[in-house]
Each structure stands twice: as C-alpha cells, then as structure tokens.
Amino acid sequence: MKRRLHTWLLLGLLAAGAIVVEAAESLRIVPILGDDKVLVSFELSDGFSDEVRQAISSGLRTTFTYEIELRMVVPIWVDPTICTAIVSATDQYDNLTRRHSLSRAIDGRVEEAKSVAEDPAVVKRWLTTVNRLPLCQTSKLDSSRDYYVRVSARARPRGGSLLGWANPVIGQAKFTFIP
C-alpha cells in the first residue's frame, strides 16, 4: 500500500514539474540593466489562443494583466521583493467598424493608447508583448547579488483561460547585478 502511495506521489510531482516547465517556456522574459534602471521585456508566446480570438471577435473587452516582481535571491529565507509593477493591455473590438481600440495601463495609469488598429497581428503583439518596461532604479540593488524577475500573466474574460489553465502563467528570469 505504501509503495503505491509513493508511486502516485512521485508521478504527481513529475507531472506538476512538467506543467511548470511548459508554462515557463511560453513566457519569455529578458531583464535588461541600462541607464541606471532595471528594464524588463517579455512575451507570452502561447497567450493568443482560439478562445481569446473568439472573445475578441465577439466584442468582449479583452484584458491581459501582467504582474511583474523583482526579487533578490536569499538562500534559506524568503526572497524579498525589491519592486513590483502591474501592466494591463486591453483590446475593445467594434464589430460595426471592425476596428480594435487598444490601451495599456501601468500601475493603474493609462500610459499608451492606440485609438484604432485593424491588423490582427498588431493586436496580438499589443496584448502579448511588453518591451523595455522600467521596473526600478539600479540604486535599489546590491552589487554582486543574484536577482530574478518574475512575471505572472492572466487573461480576461475568464471564459477561456490562458493555455487552457485556470491558473496564471508564471515565468522568471535570473540575473546577477554587477555595476
């Protein structure tokens, strides 16, 4: 009986590990250190699924929300969060004019707004890609320490979840700060 339980636990852990690896591969994150800032670029490669396309074409307001955290690696302790940001990319499709109204908010403030887009490739890039997002000043970082950027992605409406999962897609990228 114990042997069966251990076998099932081992299989469950292996399956959970495979799901985490697959989720991390679909979210590509690149931390960049430049101009005395930590900049983050990322792309959700599998985020524009058939369910998302159907929700957009039906006229439902579709929002991709990304929660970004910069954390310091601390052995045998909880990794402290240095800074965070929340990015929301929104698309509202008008069935009559066949045009997309796109907007992007960073920490609740609308930063960019494209009034009209007709090309589906532009909409996909707008919703699934963020380039050179300023996260924080490098003065907040300790030299020669290891850090990682963690990105959690969710899509709304929730009728169809990202990659078929109910949970968010989470990925991370590590780097060492050397001034």
N, C-alpha and C. Protein backbone atom coordinates (compact mmCIF):
# COMPACT_ATOMS: atom_id res chain seq x y z
N MET A 1 0.82 -1.19 0.00
CA MET A 1 0.00 0.00 0.00
C MET A 1 0.87 1.26 0.00
N LYS A 2 1.92 1.27 0.85
CA LYS A 2 2.81 2.42 0.92
C LYS A 2 3.54 2.62 -0.41
N ARG A 3 3.90 1.52 -1.04
CA ARG A 3 4.64 1.60 -2.30
C ARG A 3 3.76 2.25 -3.37
N ARG A 4 2.49 1.91 -3.42
CA ARG A 4 1.57 2.53 -4.38
C ARG A 4 1.41 4.02 -4.12
N LEU A 5 1.28 4.38 -2.86
CA LEU A 5 1.15 5.79 -2.50
C LEU A 5 2.38 6.57 -2.93
N HIS A 6 3.56 6.02 -2.68
CA HIS A 6 4.79 6.69 -3.08
C HIS A 6 4.89 6.82 -4.60
N THR A 7 4.47 5.79 -5.31
CA THR A 7 4.48 5.83 -6.78
C THR A 7 3.55 6.92 -7.30
N TRP A 8 2.35 7.02 -6.75
CA TRP A 8 1.40 8.04 -7.18
C TRP A 8 1.90 9.44 -6.85
N LEU A 9 2.50 9.62 -5.68
CA LEU A 9 3.07 10.91 -5.31
C LEU A 9 4.20 11.31 -6.25
N LEU A 10 5.06 10.36 -6.59
CA LEU A 10 6.16 10.64 -7.50
C LEU A 10 5.64 11.01 -8.88
N LEU A 11 4.65 10.30 -9.38
CA LEU A 11 4.06 10.62 -10.69
C LEU A 11 3.40 12.00 -10.68
N GLY A 12 2.73 12.33 -9.57
CA GLY A 12 2.10 13.65 -9.45
C GLY A 12 3.12 14.77 -9.45
N LEU A 13 4.22 14.58 -8.73
CA LEU A 13 5.27 15.59 -8.72
C LEU A 13 5.92 15.76 -10.09
N LEU A 14 6.15 14.66 -10.79
CA LEU A 14 6.72 14.76 -12.14
C LEU A 14 5.78 15.49 -13.09
N ALA A 15 4.49 15.20 -13.00
CA ALA A 15 3.52 15.89 -13.86
C ALA A 15 3.45 17.38 -13.54
N ALA A 16 3.47 17.72 -12.27
CA ALA A 16 3.44 19.14 -11.88
C ALA A 16 4.69 19.86 -12.36
N GLY A 17 5.83 19.21 -12.28
CA GLY A 17 7.08 19.80 -12.77
C GLY A 17 7.05 20.03 -14.26
N ALA A 18 6.46 19.11 -15.01
CA ALA A 18 6.35 19.28 -16.47
C ALA A 18 5.46 20.46 -16.82
N ILE A 19 4.38 20.66 -16.07
CA ILE A 19 3.48 21.79 -16.33
C ILE A 19 4.19 23.11 -16.06
N VAL A 20 4.97 23.19 -14.98
CA VAL A 20 5.69 24.42 -14.66
C VAL A 20 6.73 24.72 -15.73
N VAL A 21 7.46 23.71 -16.21
CA VAL A 21 8.45 23.92 -17.26
C VAL A 21 7.77 24.40 -18.53
N GLU A 22 6.64 23.82 -18.91
CA GLU A 22 5.92 24.24 -20.11
C GLU A 22 5.42 25.67 -19.97
N ALA A 23 4.92 26.06 -18.82
CA ALA A 23 4.45 27.42 -18.61
C ALA A 23 5.59 28.41 -18.71
N ALA A 24 6.75 28.07 -18.15
CA ALA A 24 7.89 28.98 -18.19
C ALA A 24 8.40 29.15 -19.61
N GLU A 25 8.31 28.11 -20.45
CA GLU A 25 8.75 28.22 -21.83
C GLU A 25 7.83 29.11 -22.65
N SER A 26 6.56 29.21 -22.29
CA SER A 26 5.64 30.04 -23.07
C SER A 26 5.75 31.52 -22.71
N LEU A 27 6.41 31.85 -21.62
CA LEU A 27 6.59 33.22 -21.19
C LEU A 27 8.09 33.53 -21.21
N ARG A 28 8.54 34.27 -22.23
CA ARG A 28 9.95 34.60 -22.38
C ARG A 28 10.21 35.96 -21.74
N ILE A 29 11.15 36.00 -20.79
CA ILE A 29 11.44 37.21 -20.02
C ILE A 29 12.91 37.57 -20.21
N VAL A 30 13.16 38.87 -20.48
CA VAL A 30 14.53 39.35 -20.64
C VAL A 30 14.72 40.58 -19.76
N PRO A 31 15.46 40.44 -18.63
CA PRO A 31 15.79 41.62 -17.82
C PRO A 31 16.99 42.34 -18.45
N ILE A 32 16.93 43.68 -18.49
CA ILE A 32 17.98 44.49 -19.09
C ILE A 32 18.40 45.54 -18.07
N LEU A 33 19.71 45.67 -17.87
CA LEU A 33 20.24 46.69 -16.97
C LEU A 33 20.88 47.77 -17.82
N GLY A 34 20.29 48.98 -17.79
CA GLY A 34 20.84 50.06 -18.58
C GLY A 34 20.26 51.39 -18.15
N ASP A 35 21.05 52.46 -18.36
CA ASP A 35 20.62 53.81 -17.99
C ASP A 35 20.24 53.91 -16.52
N ASP A 36 20.96 53.19 -15.66
CA ASP A 36 20.71 53.17 -14.22
C ASP A 36 19.30 52.69 -13.87
N LYS A 37 18.74 51.84 -14.73
CA LYS A 37 17.41 51.28 -14.49
C LYS A 37 17.42 49.79 -14.78
N VAL A 38 16.48 49.10 -14.15
CA VAL A 38 16.20 47.72 -14.50
C VAL A 38 15.01 47.76 -15.44
N LEU A 39 15.22 47.32 -16.68
CA LEU A 39 14.18 47.28 -17.69
C LEU A 39 13.81 45.82 -17.94
N VAL A 40 12.54 45.56 -18.22
CA VAL A 40 12.09 44.19 -18.46
C VAL A 40 11.32 44.13 -19.77
N SER A 41 11.66 43.15 -20.59
CA SER A 41 10.91 42.86 -21.80
C SER A 41 10.42 41.42 -21.68
N PHE A 42 9.18 41.18 -22.10
CA PHE A 42 8.68 39.81 -22.08
C PHE A 42 7.63 39.61 -23.15
N GLU A 43 7.44 38.33 -23.49
CA GLU A 43 6.44 37.95 -24.50
C GLU A 43 5.75 36.67 -24.06
N LEU A 44 4.45 36.67 -24.14
CA LEU A 44 3.63 35.50 -23.84
C LEU A 44 3.33 34.82 -25.17
N SER A 45 4.15 33.83 -25.54
CA SER A 45 4.08 33.26 -26.89
C SER A 45 2.80 32.46 -27.15
N ASP A 46 2.25 31.80 -26.15
CA ASP A 46 1.05 30.98 -26.35
C ASP A 46 -0.22 31.66 -25.83
N GLY A 47 -0.18 32.94 -25.56
CA GLY A 47 -1.30 33.63 -24.94
C GLY A 47 -2.46 33.94 -25.86
N PHE A 48 -2.22 34.01 -27.16
CA PHE A 48 -3.28 34.40 -28.10
C PHE A 48 -3.94 33.13 -28.64
N SER A 49 -4.71 32.48 -27.80
CA SER A 49 -5.34 31.20 -28.14
C SER A 49 -6.63 31.41 -28.94
N ASP A 50 -7.23 30.33 -29.37
CA ASP A 50 -8.51 30.40 -30.10
C ASP A 50 -9.61 31.00 -29.23
N GLU A 51 -9.60 30.68 -27.92
CA GLU A 51 -10.61 31.23 -27.01
C GLU A 51 -10.48 32.75 -26.92
N VAL A 52 -9.23 33.25 -26.89
CA VAL A 52 -9.01 34.69 -26.83
C VAL A 52 -9.47 35.35 -28.13
N ARG A 53 -9.15 34.74 -29.26
CA ARG A 53 -9.59 35.28 -30.55
C ARG A 53 -11.12 35.34 -30.63
N GLN A 54 -11.78 34.30 -30.15
CA GLN A 54 -13.25 34.27 -30.18
C GLN A 54 -13.83 35.34 -29.27
N ALA A 55 -13.25 35.53 -28.10
CA ALA A 55 -13.74 36.56 -27.18
C ALA A 55 -13.58 37.94 -27.81
N ILE A 56 -12.44 38.18 -28.45
CA ILE A 56 -12.21 39.47 -29.10
C ILE A 56 -13.19 39.69 -30.24
N SER A 57 -13.35 38.69 -31.11
CA SER A 57 -14.23 38.86 -32.27
C SER A 57 -15.70 39.00 -31.86
N SER A 58 -16.06 38.53 -30.67
CA SER A 58 -17.44 38.70 -30.21
C SER A 58 -17.70 40.10 -29.66
N GLY A 59 -16.63 40.88 -29.50
CA GLY A 59 -16.79 42.24 -29.00
C GLY A 59 -16.57 42.38 -27.51
N LEU A 60 -16.21 41.28 -26.83
CA LEU A 60 -15.93 41.37 -25.39
C LEU A 60 -14.62 42.11 -25.16
N ARG A 61 -14.62 42.96 -24.18
CA ARG A 61 -13.39 43.66 -23.80
C ARG A 61 -12.41 42.61 -23.27
N THR A 62 -11.23 42.54 -23.86
CA THR A 62 -10.25 41.53 -23.50
C THR A 62 -9.04 42.22 -22.89
N THR A 63 -8.62 41.74 -21.71
CA THR A 63 -7.51 42.35 -20.99
C THR A 63 -6.51 41.28 -20.58
N PHE A 64 -5.24 41.53 -20.88
CA PHE A 64 -4.15 40.71 -20.39
C PHE A 64 -3.49 41.50 -19.26
N THR A 65 -3.39 40.89 -18.08
CA THR A 65 -2.79 41.54 -16.93
C THR A 65 -1.51 40.81 -16.56
N TYR A 66 -0.43 41.58 -16.43
CA TYR A 66 0.88 41.03 -16.09
C TYR A 66 1.32 41.63 -14.76
N GLU A 67 1.64 40.77 -13.80
CA GLU A 67 2.17 41.20 -12.52
C GLU A 67 3.67 40.90 -12.53
N ILE A 68 4.48 41.95 -12.42
CA ILE A 68 5.93 41.82 -12.52
C ILE A 68 6.54 42.11 -11.16
N GLU A 69 7.45 41.23 -10.72
CA GLU A 69 8.15 41.40 -9.44
C GLU A 69 9.64 41.24 -9.66
N LEU A 70 10.41 42.11 -9.03
CA LEU A 70 11.86 41.96 -8.99
C LEU A 70 12.20 41.51 -7.58
N ARG A 71 12.86 40.36 -7.47
CA ARG A 71 13.18 39.80 -6.16
C ARG A 71 14.66 39.47 -6.06
N MET A 72 15.18 39.54 -4.84
CA MET A 72 16.56 39.19 -4.58
C MET A 72 16.60 37.74 -4.08
N VAL A 73 17.55 36.97 -4.59
CA VAL A 73 17.72 35.59 -4.15
C VAL A 73 18.43 35.58 -2.80
N VAL A 74 17.77 34.98 -1.80
CA VAL A 74 18.34 34.87 -0.45
C VAL A 74 18.26 33.40 -0.06
N PRO A 75 19.43 32.75 0.11
CA PRO A 75 19.41 31.34 0.48
C PRO A 75 18.78 31.12 1.85
N ILE A 76 18.01 30.08 1.96
CA ILE A 76 17.39 29.63 3.21
C ILE A 76 16.53 30.73 3.84
N TRP A 77 15.88 31.54 3.05
CA TRP A 77 14.99 32.56 3.56
C TRP A 77 14.04 32.95 2.45
N VAL A 78 13.01 33.69 2.80
CA VAL A 78 12.06 34.17 1.80
C VAL A 78 12.72 35.27 0.97
N ASP A 79 12.63 35.18 -0.35
CA ASP A 79 13.23 36.18 -1.23
C ASP A 79 12.48 37.50 -1.11
N PRO A 80 13.17 38.57 -0.71
CA PRO A 80 12.48 39.87 -0.57
C PRO A 80 12.17 40.48 -1.94
N THR A 81 11.02 41.14 -2.02
CA THR A 81 10.61 41.82 -3.24
C THR A 81 11.21 43.23 -3.23
N ILE A 82 11.92 43.57 -4.30
CA ILE A 82 12.56 44.87 -4.42
C ILE A 82 11.57 45.88 -4.99
N CYS A 83 10.86 45.51 -6.05
CA CYS A 83 9.85 46.39 -6.64
C CYS A 83 8.87 45.57 -7.47
N THR A 84 7.72 46.15 -7.73
CA THR A 84 6.67 45.49 -8.49
C THR A 84 6.04 46.45 -9.49
N ALA A 85 5.36 45.88 -10.47
CA ALA A 85 4.58 46.67 -11.43
C ALA A 85 3.45 45.79 -11.95
N ILE A 86 2.35 46.42 -12.32
CA ILE A 86 1.22 45.72 -12.93
C ILE A 86 0.93 46.39 -14.26
N VAL A 87 0.96 45.59 -15.32
CA VAL A 87 0.69 46.09 -16.67
C VAL A 87 -0.58 45.44 -17.18
N SER A 88 -1.51 46.26 -17.68
CA SER A 88 -2.76 45.76 -18.27
C SER A 88 -2.83 46.22 -19.71
N ALA A 89 -2.92 45.26 -20.64
CA ALA A 89 -3.09 45.57 -22.06
C ALA A 89 -4.51 45.18 -22.43
N THR A 90 -5.27 46.13 -23.00
CA THR A 90 -6.70 45.94 -23.25
C THR A 90 -7.03 46.14 -24.72
N ASP A 91 -7.96 45.32 -25.20
CA ASP A 91 -8.48 45.44 -26.56
C ASP A 91 -10.00 45.46 -26.50
N GLN A 92 -10.60 46.44 -27.14
CA GLN A 92 -12.06 46.52 -27.29
C GLN A 92 -12.34 46.53 -28.79
N TYR A 93 -12.92 45.44 -29.30
CA TYR A 93 -13.21 45.31 -30.73
C TYR A 93 -14.62 45.80 -31.02
N ASP A 94 -14.74 46.64 -32.05
CA ASP A 94 -16.04 47.15 -32.50
C ASP A 94 -16.45 46.36 -33.74
N ASN A 95 -17.52 45.57 -33.59
CA ASN A 95 -17.97 44.72 -34.70
C ASN A 95 -18.48 45.53 -35.89
N LEU A 96 -19.01 46.71 -35.67
CA LEU A 96 -19.55 47.51 -36.77
C LEU A 96 -18.44 48.11 -37.64
N THR A 97 -17.44 48.70 -37.02
CA THR A 97 -16.36 49.31 -37.79
C THR A 97 -15.21 48.35 -38.06
N ARG A 98 -15.22 47.20 -37.38
CA ARG A 98 -14.16 46.18 -37.50
C ARG A 98 -12.79 46.75 -37.13
N ARG A 99 -12.78 47.52 -36.05
CA ARG A 99 -11.54 48.12 -35.57
C ARG A 99 -11.35 47.82 -34.09
N HIS A 100 -10.10 47.76 -33.71
CA HIS A 100 -9.71 47.48 -32.33
C HIS A 100 -9.27 48.77 -31.67
N SER A 101 -9.75 49.05 -30.47
CA SER A 101 -9.25 50.15 -29.64
C SER A 101 -8.35 49.54 -28.59
N LEU A 102 -7.08 49.94 -28.60
CA LEU A 102 -6.07 49.34 -27.73
C LEU A 102 -5.60 50.35 -26.69
N SER A 103 -5.38 49.88 -25.48
CA SER A 103 -4.80 50.73 -24.44
C SER A 103 -3.93 49.89 -23.52
N ARG A 104 -2.98 50.58 -22.87
CA ARG A 104 -2.09 49.90 -21.93
C ARG A 104 -1.95 50.76 -20.69
N ALA A 105 -2.14 50.15 -19.54
CA ALA A 105 -2.01 50.84 -18.25
C ALA A 105 -0.88 50.20 -17.46
N ILE A 106 -0.09 51.06 -16.82
CA ILE A 106 0.99 50.59 -15.94
C ILE A 106 0.69 51.11 -14.54
N ASP A 107 0.50 50.18 -13.62
CA ASP A 107 0.13 50.51 -12.23
C ASP A 107 -1.11 51.39 -12.17
N GLY A 108 -2.09 51.11 -13.02
CA GLY A 108 -3.37 51.81 -12.99
C GLY A 108 -3.44 53.08 -13.80
N ARG A 109 -2.29 53.58 -14.30
CA ARG A 109 -2.29 54.80 -15.11
C ARG A 109 -2.18 54.43 -16.58
N VAL A 110 -3.06 54.97 -17.41
CA VAL A 110 -3.01 54.70 -18.84
C VAL A 110 -1.77 55.37 -19.40
N GLU A 111 -0.86 54.55 -19.92
CA GLU A 111 0.40 55.05 -20.45
C GLU A 111 0.36 55.23 -21.96
N GLU A 112 -0.27 54.28 -22.63
CA GLU A 112 -0.33 54.32 -24.08
C GLU A 112 -1.74 53.99 -24.52
N ALA A 113 -2.16 54.62 -25.59
CA ALA A 113 -3.46 54.29 -26.17
C ALA A 113 -3.35 54.43 -27.68
N LYS A 114 -3.60 53.33 -28.36
CA LYS A 114 -3.70 53.36 -29.81
C LYS A 114 -5.18 53.43 -30.10
N SER A 115 -5.59 54.47 -30.76
CA SER A 115 -7.02 54.65 -30.95
C SER A 115 -7.62 53.58 -31.85
N VAL A 116 -6.91 53.22 -32.92
CA VAL A 116 -7.50 52.28 -33.87
C VAL A 116 -6.42 51.35 -34.41
N ALA A 117 -6.76 50.09 -34.52
CA ALA A 117 -5.91 49.10 -35.18
C ALA A 117 -6.82 48.14 -35.92
N GLU A 118 -6.43 47.77 -37.12
CA GLU A 118 -7.24 46.82 -37.90
C GLU A 118 -6.53 45.50 -38.11
N ASP A 119 -5.22 45.49 -38.01
CA ASP A 119 -4.42 44.30 -38.26
C ASP A 119 -4.41 43.39 -37.03
N PRO A 120 -4.84 42.12 -37.17
CA PRO A 120 -4.82 41.19 -36.02
C PRO A 120 -3.42 40.95 -35.46
N ALA A 121 -2.38 41.05 -36.29
CA ALA A 121 -1.01 40.86 -35.81
C ALA A 121 -0.61 41.99 -34.85
N VAL A 122 -1.07 43.21 -35.11
CA VAL A 122 -0.80 44.33 -34.22
C VAL A 122 -1.49 44.11 -32.89
N VAL A 123 -2.72 43.63 -32.93
CA VAL A 123 -3.49 43.36 -31.70
C VAL A 123 -2.79 42.27 -30.88
N LYS A 124 -2.37 41.21 -31.53
CA LYS A 124 -1.69 40.12 -30.83
C LYS A 124 -0.41 40.63 -30.17
N ARG A 125 0.40 41.37 -30.89
CA ARG A 125 1.64 41.92 -30.35
C ARG A 125 1.35 42.86 -29.17
N TRP A 126 0.29 43.68 -29.31
CA TRP A 126 -0.08 44.63 -28.25
C TRP A 126 -0.44 43.91 -26.95
N LEU A 127 -1.20 42.81 -27.07
CA LEU A 127 -1.68 42.09 -25.89
C LEU A 127 -0.64 41.18 -25.25
N THR A 128 0.30 40.66 -26.04
CA THR A 128 1.20 39.62 -25.53
C THR A 128 2.66 40.03 -25.38
N THR A 129 3.00 41.28 -25.72
CA THR A 129 4.40 41.70 -25.67
C THR A 129 4.55 43.01 -24.93
N VAL A 130 5.52 43.09 -24.06
CA VAL A 130 5.89 44.33 -23.37
C VAL A 130 7.39 44.52 -23.58
N ASN A 131 7.79 45.70 -24.06
CA ASN A 131 9.19 45.99 -24.35
C ASN A 131 9.73 47.08 -23.44
N ARG A 132 10.88 46.77 -22.81
CA ARG A 132 11.65 47.74 -22.04
C ARG A 132 10.83 48.50 -21.01
N LEU A 133 10.10 47.77 -20.21
CA LEU A 133 9.33 48.36 -19.11
C LEU A 133 10.29 48.75 -17.99
N PRO A 134 10.35 50.06 -17.61
CA PRO A 134 11.22 50.45 -16.49
C PRO A 134 10.63 49.95 -15.16
N LEU A 135 11.39 49.10 -14.49
CA LEU A 135 10.90 48.48 -13.25
C LEU A 135 11.36 49.25 -12.02
N CYS A 136 12.66 49.57 -11.93
CA CYS A 136 13.18 50.35 -10.80
C CYS A 136 14.57 50.86 -11.12
N GLN A 137 15.10 51.69 -10.24
CA GLN A 137 16.46 52.21 -10.36
C GLN A 137 17.45 51.14 -9.89
N THR A 138 18.61 51.07 -10.53
CA THR A 138 19.63 50.11 -10.10
C THR A 138 20.22 50.48 -8.74
N SER A 139 19.99 51.69 -8.27
CA SER A 139 20.48 52.09 -6.94
C SER A 139 19.81 51.29 -5.83
N LYS A 140 18.67 50.65 -6.11
CA LYS A 140 17.99 49.82 -5.11
C LYS A 140 18.60 48.42 -5.00
N LEU A 141 19.54 48.09 -5.91
CA LEU A 141 20.12 46.75 -5.95
C LEU A 141 21.48 46.73 -5.26
N ASP A 142 21.80 45.60 -4.64
CA ASP A 142 23.12 45.39 -4.04
C ASP A 142 24.03 44.77 -5.10
N SER A 143 25.28 45.23 -5.13
CA SER A 143 26.20 44.71 -6.15
C SER A 143 26.56 43.25 -5.87
N SER A 144 26.79 42.53 -6.95
CA SER A 144 27.19 41.12 -6.95
C SER A 144 26.17 40.22 -6.25
N ARG A 145 24.91 40.58 -6.29
CA ARG A 145 23.84 39.74 -5.74
C ARG A 145 23.04 39.16 -6.88
N ASP A 146 22.39 38.03 -6.62
CA ASP A 146 21.53 37.40 -7.61
C ASP A 146 20.10 37.89 -7.44
N TYR A 147 19.45 38.16 -8.55
CA TYR A 147 18.08 38.63 -8.58
C TYR A 147 17.31 37.83 -9.62
N TYR A 148 15.99 37.93 -9.56
CA TYR A 148 15.18 37.38 -10.63
C TYR A 148 13.93 38.23 -10.82
N VAL A 149 13.49 38.25 -12.08
CA VAL A 149 12.26 38.93 -12.43
C VAL A 149 11.22 37.84 -12.62
N ARG A 150 10.10 37.98 -11.95
CA ARG A 150 9.00 37.01 -12.03
C ARG A 150 7.80 37.71 -12.65
N VAL A 151 7.22 37.08 -13.69
CA VAL A 151 6.06 37.62 -14.38
C VAL A 151 4.93 36.61 -14.29
N SER A 152 3.76 37.10 -13.86
CA SER A 152 2.55 36.29 -13.79
C SER A 152 1.55 36.89 -14.77
N ALA A 153 1.00 36.06 -15.68
CA ALA A 153 0.10 36.56 -16.73
C ALA A 153 -1.28 35.93 -16.60
N ARG A 154 -2.32 36.79 -16.73
CA ARG A 154 -3.72 36.35 -16.72
C ARG A 154 -4.45 37.03 -17.87
N ALA A 155 -5.50 36.38 -18.35
CA ALA A 155 -6.33 36.97 -19.40
C ALA A 155 -7.78 37.02 -18.94
N ARG A 156 -8.49 38.09 -19.36
CA ARG A 156 -9.91 38.22 -19.10
C ARG A 156 -10.58 38.56 -20.40
N PRO A 157 -11.72 38.09 -20.72
CA PRO A 157 -12.68 37.38 -19.88
C PRO A 157 -12.19 35.98 -19.56
N ARG A 158 -12.67 35.47 -18.46
CA ARG A 158 -12.20 34.19 -17.94
C ARG A 158 -12.85 32.98 -18.60
N GLY A 159 -13.67 33.17 -19.61
CA GLY A 159 -14.33 32.04 -20.26
C GLY A 159 -13.34 31.04 -20.79
N GLY A 160 -12.29 31.52 -21.41
CA GLY A 160 -11.22 30.67 -21.88
C GLY A 160 -9.95 31.12 -21.20
N SER A 161 -9.32 30.22 -20.49
CA SER A 161 -8.14 30.62 -19.75
C SER A 161 -6.89 30.51 -20.62
N LEU A 162 -5.84 31.18 -20.21
CA LEU A 162 -4.58 31.16 -20.92
C LEU A 162 -4.06 29.73 -20.96
N LEU A 163 -3.72 29.25 -22.13
CA LEU A 163 -3.17 27.91 -22.33
C LEU A 163 -4.08 26.81 -21.80
N GLY A 164 -5.36 27.09 -21.62
CA GLY A 164 -6.30 26.09 -21.15
C GLY A 164 -6.25 25.86 -19.65
N TRP A 165 -5.53 26.68 -18.90
CA TRP A 165 -5.42 26.50 -17.46
C TRP A 165 -6.22 27.57 -16.74
N ALA A 166 -6.69 27.24 -15.55
CA ALA A 166 -7.41 28.23 -14.74
C ALA A 166 -6.43 29.13 -13.99
N ASN A 167 -5.22 28.65 -13.74
CA ASN A 167 -4.23 29.42 -13.01
C ASN A 167 -3.44 30.32 -13.95
N PRO A 168 -2.79 31.35 -13.43
CA PRO A 168 -1.98 32.21 -14.29
C PRO A 168 -0.74 31.50 -14.81
N VAL A 169 -0.19 31.99 -15.92
CA VAL A 169 1.07 31.51 -16.44
C VAL A 169 2.16 32.31 -15.74
N ILE A 170 3.15 31.62 -15.18
CA ILE A 170 4.21 32.28 -14.41
C ILE A 170 5.56 31.88 -14.98
N GLY A 171 6.43 32.88 -15.14
CA GLY A 171 7.78 32.62 -15.60
C GLY A 171 8.75 33.52 -14.86
N GLN A 172 10.03 33.17 -14.90
CA GLN A 172 11.02 34.01 -14.24
C GLN A 172 12.34 33.92 -14.98
N ALA A 173 13.14 34.98 -14.82
CA ALA A 173 14.48 35.04 -15.41
C ALA A 173 15.44 35.58 -14.35
N LYS A 174 16.57 34.89 -14.18
CA LYS A 174 17.54 35.27 -13.17
C LYS A 174 18.67 36.09 -13.79
N PHE A 175 19.29 36.95 -12.95
CA PHE A 175 20.47 37.70 -13.36
C PHE A 175 21.26 38.09 -12.12
N THR A 176 22.53 38.43 -12.34
CA THR A 176 23.41 38.92 -11.29
C THR A 176 23.71 40.37 -11.56
N PHE A 177 23.52 41.23 -10.56
CA PHE A 177 23.79 42.65 -10.74
C PHE A 177 25.25 42.94 -10.47
N ILE A 178 25.97 43.37 -11.52
CA ILE A 178 27.37 43.77 -11.41
C ILE A 178 27.44 45.19 -11.95
N PRO A 179 27.64 46.19 -11.06
CA PRO A 179 27.66 47.57 -11.53
C PRO A 179 28.86 47.91 -12.40
